[in-house]
Amino acid sequence: MTLFRTRHASAFSLLDLPADPLDVQALAALPQRTLLSLTDRVYRQLDSGHPPAYALEWYSALAGEWARRTDIDGHPKHQAHHGGMENHEEM
């Protein structure tokens, strides 16, 4: 069974990972450690003599998620943390 099928359930879905690399919401929900190991695994398969058919599609999607999570220097983006209401003015 290949790990990169996008039209049907894949081994990823068995591990609560996205079944489709185009599911950006599911990719965004992955913990960073999971994203790291998945990206490494896909890269290793791409670097093999016979990469799976959808490996490049997966790698592109994972790289896009890393780009979304990091700034131009490769550092993690810090999400704004607001306590309470965003607008502190009295109504």
N, C-alpha and C. Protein backbone atom coordinates (compact mmCIF):
# COMPACT_ATOMS: atom_id res chain seq x y z
N MET A 1 0.84 -1.18 0.00
CA MET A 1 0.00 0.00 0.00
C MET A 1 0.88 1.24 0.00
N THR A 2 0.65 2.13 -0.93
CA THR A 2 1.43 3.37 -0.97
C THR A 2 0.91 4.36 0.06
N LEU A 3 1.76 5.22 0.53
CA LEU A 3 1.37 6.20 1.53
C LEU A 3 0.88 7.50 0.91
N PHE A 4 0.86 7.61 -0.40
CA PHE A 4 0.61 8.89 -1.02
C PHE A 4 -0.61 8.94 -1.92
N ARG A 5 -1.52 8.01 -1.79
CA ARG A 5 -2.74 8.08 -2.59
C ARG A 5 -3.56 9.27 -2.13
N THR A 6 -4.12 10.02 -3.06
CA THR A 6 -4.92 11.17 -2.68
C THR A 6 -6.39 10.98 -2.99
N ARG A 7 -6.74 10.02 -3.78
CA ARG A 7 -8.13 9.82 -4.18
C ARG A 7 -8.89 8.92 -3.20
N HIS A 8 -8.19 8.11 -2.43
CA HIS A 8 -8.81 7.16 -1.52
C HIS A 8 -8.15 7.31 -0.15
N ALA A 9 -8.71 6.63 0.82
CA ALA A 9 -8.09 6.64 2.15
C ALA A 9 -6.67 6.09 2.05
N SER A 10 -5.79 6.64 2.82
CA SER A 10 -4.40 6.21 2.77
C SER A 10 -3.96 5.74 4.15
N ALA A 11 -2.73 5.31 4.24
CA ALA A 11 -2.17 4.93 5.54
C ALA A 11 -2.14 6.14 6.46
N PHE A 12 -2.04 7.34 5.90
CA PHE A 12 -2.06 8.54 6.73
C PHE A 12 -3.34 8.62 7.54
N SER A 13 -4.47 8.30 6.91
CA SER A 13 -5.75 8.41 7.60
C SER A 13 -5.83 7.44 8.78
N LEU A 14 -5.10 6.35 8.71
CA LEU A 14 -5.08 5.41 9.81
C LEU A 14 -4.36 5.98 11.03
N LEU A 15 -3.51 6.95 10.79
CA LEU A 15 -2.74 7.57 11.87
C LEU A 15 -3.27 8.96 12.21
N ASP A 16 -4.51 9.25 11.83
CA ASP A 16 -5.12 10.57 12.04
C ASP A 16 -4.34 11.67 11.34
N LEU A 17 -3.73 11.35 10.22
CA LEU A 17 -3.05 12.33 9.40
C LEU A 17 -3.92 12.59 8.17
N PRO A 18 -3.73 13.71 7.51
CA PRO A 18 -4.56 14.00 6.34
C PRO A 18 -4.43 12.93 5.27
N ALA A 19 -5.54 12.62 4.63
CA ALA A 19 -5.52 11.67 3.53
C ALA A 19 -5.22 12.37 2.22
N ASP A 20 -5.29 13.69 2.22
CA ASP A 20 -5.12 14.47 1.00
C ASP A 20 -4.14 15.62 1.26
N PRO A 21 -3.07 15.72 0.48
CA PRO A 21 -2.11 16.80 0.69
C PRO A 21 -2.69 18.18 0.41
N LEU A 22 -3.81 18.25 -0.26
CA LEU A 22 -4.44 19.54 -0.55
C LEU A 22 -5.35 20.02 0.57
N ASP A 23 -5.49 19.23 1.62
CA ASP A 23 -6.32 19.60 2.77
C ASP A 23 -5.49 20.49 3.70
N VAL A 24 -5.46 21.79 3.39
CA VAL A 24 -4.59 22.71 4.13
C VAL A 24 -5.01 22.86 5.59
N GLN A 25 -6.29 22.73 5.88
CA GLN A 25 -6.74 22.82 7.28
C GLN A 25 -6.21 21.64 8.09
N ALA A 26 -6.22 20.46 7.50
CA ALA A 26 -5.70 19.29 8.19
C ALA A 26 -4.19 19.39 8.39
N LEU A 27 -3.49 19.91 7.39
CA LEU A 27 -2.04 20.09 7.53
C LEU A 27 -1.74 21.12 8.61
N ALA A 28 -2.52 22.18 8.67
CA ALA A 28 -2.32 23.22 9.67
C ALA A 28 -2.56 22.69 11.09
N ALA A 29 -3.39 21.67 11.22
CA ALA A 29 -3.70 21.11 12.53
C ALA A 29 -2.65 20.12 13.03
N LEU A 30 -1.72 19.72 12.16
CA LEU A 30 -0.69 18.76 12.58
C LEU A 30 0.23 19.37 13.62
N PRO A 31 0.55 18.63 14.67
CA PRO A 31 1.57 19.10 15.61
C PRO A 31 2.91 19.24 14.88
N GLN A 32 3.73 20.16 15.34
CA GLN A 32 5.01 20.42 14.67
C GLN A 32 5.88 19.19 14.59
N ARG A 33 5.92 18.38 15.63
CA ARG A 33 6.75 17.16 15.62
C ARG A 33 6.27 16.19 14.54
N THR A 34 4.97 16.06 14.39
CA THR A 34 4.39 15.19 13.36
C THR A 34 4.72 15.73 11.97
N LEU A 35 4.58 17.03 11.81
CA LEU A 35 4.90 17.67 10.53
C LEU A 35 6.37 17.45 10.18
N LEU A 36 7.24 17.58 11.15
CA LEU A 36 8.67 17.38 10.94
C LEU A 36 8.97 15.95 10.49
N SER A 37 8.43 14.96 11.20
CA SER A 37 8.74 13.57 10.83
C SER A 37 8.11 13.20 9.49
N LEU A 38 6.92 13.71 9.21
CA LEU A 38 6.27 13.42 7.95
C LEU A 38 7.05 14.05 6.79
N THR A 39 7.51 15.28 6.96
CA THR A 39 8.29 15.95 5.92
C THR A 39 9.59 15.19 5.66
N ASP A 40 10.26 14.77 6.72
CA ASP A 40 11.50 14.01 6.57
C ASP A 40 11.25 12.70 5.84
N ARG A 41 10.18 12.03 6.20
CA ARG A 41 9.84 10.74 5.57
C ARG A 41 9.55 10.90 4.07
N VAL A 42 8.78 11.93 3.73
CA VAL A 42 8.46 12.17 2.33
C VAL A 42 9.73 12.56 1.55
N TYR A 43 10.58 13.39 2.15
CA TYR A 43 11.83 13.78 1.50
C TYR A 43 12.69 12.54 1.20
N ARG A 44 12.79 11.65 2.16
CA ARG A 44 13.58 10.43 1.96
C ARG A 44 13.01 9.58 0.82
N GLN A 45 11.68 9.53 0.72
CA GLN A 45 11.08 8.77 -0.36
C GLN A 45 11.31 9.46 -1.70
N LEU A 46 11.26 10.78 -1.72
CA LEU A 46 11.55 11.51 -2.96
C LEU A 46 12.98 11.30 -3.41
N ASP A 47 13.88 11.16 -2.45
CA ASP A 47 15.31 11.00 -2.74
C ASP A 47 15.66 9.56 -3.13
N SER A 48 14.69 8.67 -3.13
CA SER A 48 14.94 7.28 -3.49
C SER A 48 14.95 7.11 -5.01
N GLY A 49 15.35 5.95 -5.44
CA GLY A 49 15.42 5.67 -6.87
C GLY A 49 14.06 5.62 -7.55
N HIS A 50 13.04 5.24 -6.81
CA HIS A 50 11.68 5.11 -7.37
C HIS A 50 10.67 5.70 -6.38
N PRO A 51 10.56 7.04 -6.34
CA PRO A 51 9.63 7.65 -5.39
C PRO A 51 8.17 7.32 -5.75
N PRO A 52 7.32 7.24 -4.73
CA PRO A 52 5.90 7.01 -4.99
C PRO A 52 5.31 8.12 -5.87
N ALA A 53 4.22 7.80 -6.53
CA ALA A 53 3.63 8.70 -7.51
C ALA A 53 3.27 10.07 -6.94
N TYR A 54 2.74 10.13 -5.73
CA TYR A 54 2.29 11.41 -5.18
C TYR A 54 3.27 12.04 -4.21
N ALA A 55 4.50 11.55 -4.14
CA ALA A 55 5.48 12.07 -3.19
C ALA A 55 5.77 13.55 -3.41
N LEU A 56 5.88 13.98 -4.64
CA LEU A 56 6.17 15.39 -4.90
C LEU A 56 5.00 16.27 -4.48
N GLU A 57 3.79 15.81 -4.71
CA GLU A 57 2.60 16.56 -4.30
C GLU A 57 2.57 16.72 -2.77
N TRP A 58 2.87 15.62 -2.06
CA TRP A 58 2.92 15.68 -0.61
C TRP A 58 4.04 16.59 -0.12
N TYR A 59 5.22 16.48 -0.73
CA TYR A 59 6.33 17.30 -0.28
C TYR A 59 6.03 18.78 -0.49
N SER A 60 5.43 19.11 -1.61
CA SER A 60 5.06 20.49 -1.89
C SER A 60 4.07 21.01 -0.85
N ALA A 61 3.08 20.20 -0.50
CA ALA A 61 2.09 20.61 0.50
C ALA A 61 2.73 20.78 1.88
N LEU A 62 3.62 19.86 2.25
CA LEU A 62 4.29 19.95 3.54
C LEU A 62 5.22 21.16 3.60
N ALA A 63 5.94 21.41 2.51
CA ALA A 63 6.83 22.58 2.46
C ALA A 63 6.01 23.87 2.56
N GLY A 64 4.85 23.88 1.94
CA GLY A 64 3.96 25.03 2.04
C GLY A 64 3.51 25.27 3.47
N GLU A 65 3.23 24.20 4.18
CA GLU A 65 2.83 24.34 5.59
C GLU A 65 3.99 24.85 6.44
N TRP A 66 5.20 24.36 6.16
CA TRP A 66 6.37 24.88 6.88
C TRP A 66 6.55 26.37 6.59
N ALA A 67 6.37 26.76 5.34
CA ALA A 67 6.50 28.18 4.97
C ALA A 67 5.47 29.02 5.71
N ARG A 68 4.27 28.49 5.85
CA ARG A 68 3.22 29.23 6.55
C ARG A 68 3.56 29.40 8.03
N ARG A 69 4.25 28.41 8.59
CA ARG A 69 4.55 28.43 10.02
C ARG A 69 5.84 29.16 10.38
N THR A 70 6.66 29.49 9.40
CA THR A 70 7.95 30.12 9.70
C THR A 70 8.07 31.46 9.00
N ASP A 71 8.94 32.32 9.53
CA ASP A 71 9.18 33.61 8.89
C ASP A 71 10.28 33.48 7.85
N ILE A 72 10.66 34.57 7.25
CA ILE A 72 11.62 34.55 6.14
C ILE A 72 12.99 34.01 6.55
N ASP A 73 13.34 34.14 7.83
CA ASP A 73 14.64 33.65 8.31
C ASP A 73 14.58 32.20 8.81
N GLY A 74 13.42 31.57 8.69
CA GLY A 74 13.29 30.18 9.11
C GLY A 74 12.93 30.01 10.57
N HIS A 75 12.63 31.10 11.25
CA HIS A 75 12.24 31.02 12.66
C HIS A 75 10.73 30.84 12.77
N PRO A 76 10.29 30.12 13.80
CA PRO A 76 8.84 29.93 13.97
C PRO A 76 8.14 31.28 14.13
N LYS A 77 6.99 31.40 13.48
CA LYS A 77 6.18 32.60 13.66
C LYS A 77 5.53 32.52 15.02
N HIS A 78 5.47 33.64 15.70
CA HIS A 78 4.79 33.69 16.99
C HIS A 78 3.40 34.23 16.75
N GLN A 79 2.42 33.44 17.15
CA GLN A 79 1.05 33.88 16.97
C GLN A 79 0.72 34.87 18.07
N ALA A 80 -0.03 35.89 17.69
CA ALA A 80 -0.45 36.87 18.67
C ALA A 80 -1.34 36.18 19.70
N HIS A 81 -1.10 36.49 20.94
CA HIS A 81 -1.90 35.91 22.01
C HIS A 81 -2.64 37.05 22.69
N HIS A 82 -3.93 37.09 22.50
CA HIS A 82 -4.74 38.15 23.08
C HIS A 82 -5.52 37.60 24.25
N GLY A 83 -5.48 38.30 25.33
CA GLY A 83 -6.31 37.93 26.46
C GLY A 83 -7.59 38.75 26.43
N GLY A 84 -8.71 38.11 26.48
CA GLY A 84 -9.98 38.84 26.49
C GLY A 84 -10.36 39.34 25.12
N MET A 85 -11.09 40.45 25.10
CA MET A 85 -11.59 41.02 23.85
C MET A 85 -10.48 41.71 23.09
N GLU A 86 -10.57 41.67 21.77
CA GLU A 86 -9.56 42.35 20.95
C GLU A 86 -9.70 43.86 21.05
N ASN A 87 -10.92 44.34 21.08
CA ASN A 87 -11.17 45.76 21.16
C ASN A 87 -11.46 46.10 22.62
N HIS A 88 -10.54 46.82 23.26
CA HIS A 88 -10.67 47.10 24.68
C HIS A 88 -11.42 48.39 24.94
N GLU A 89 -11.91 49.04 23.91
CA GLU A 89 -12.67 50.28 24.11
C GLU A 89 -14.04 49.95 24.66
N GLU A 90 -14.54 50.84 25.48
CA GLU A 90 -15.87 50.65 26.03
C GLU A 90 -16.91 50.93 24.96
N MET A 91 -17.97 50.17 24.98
CA MET A 91 -19.03 50.36 23.99
C MET A 91 -20.14 51.18 24.56
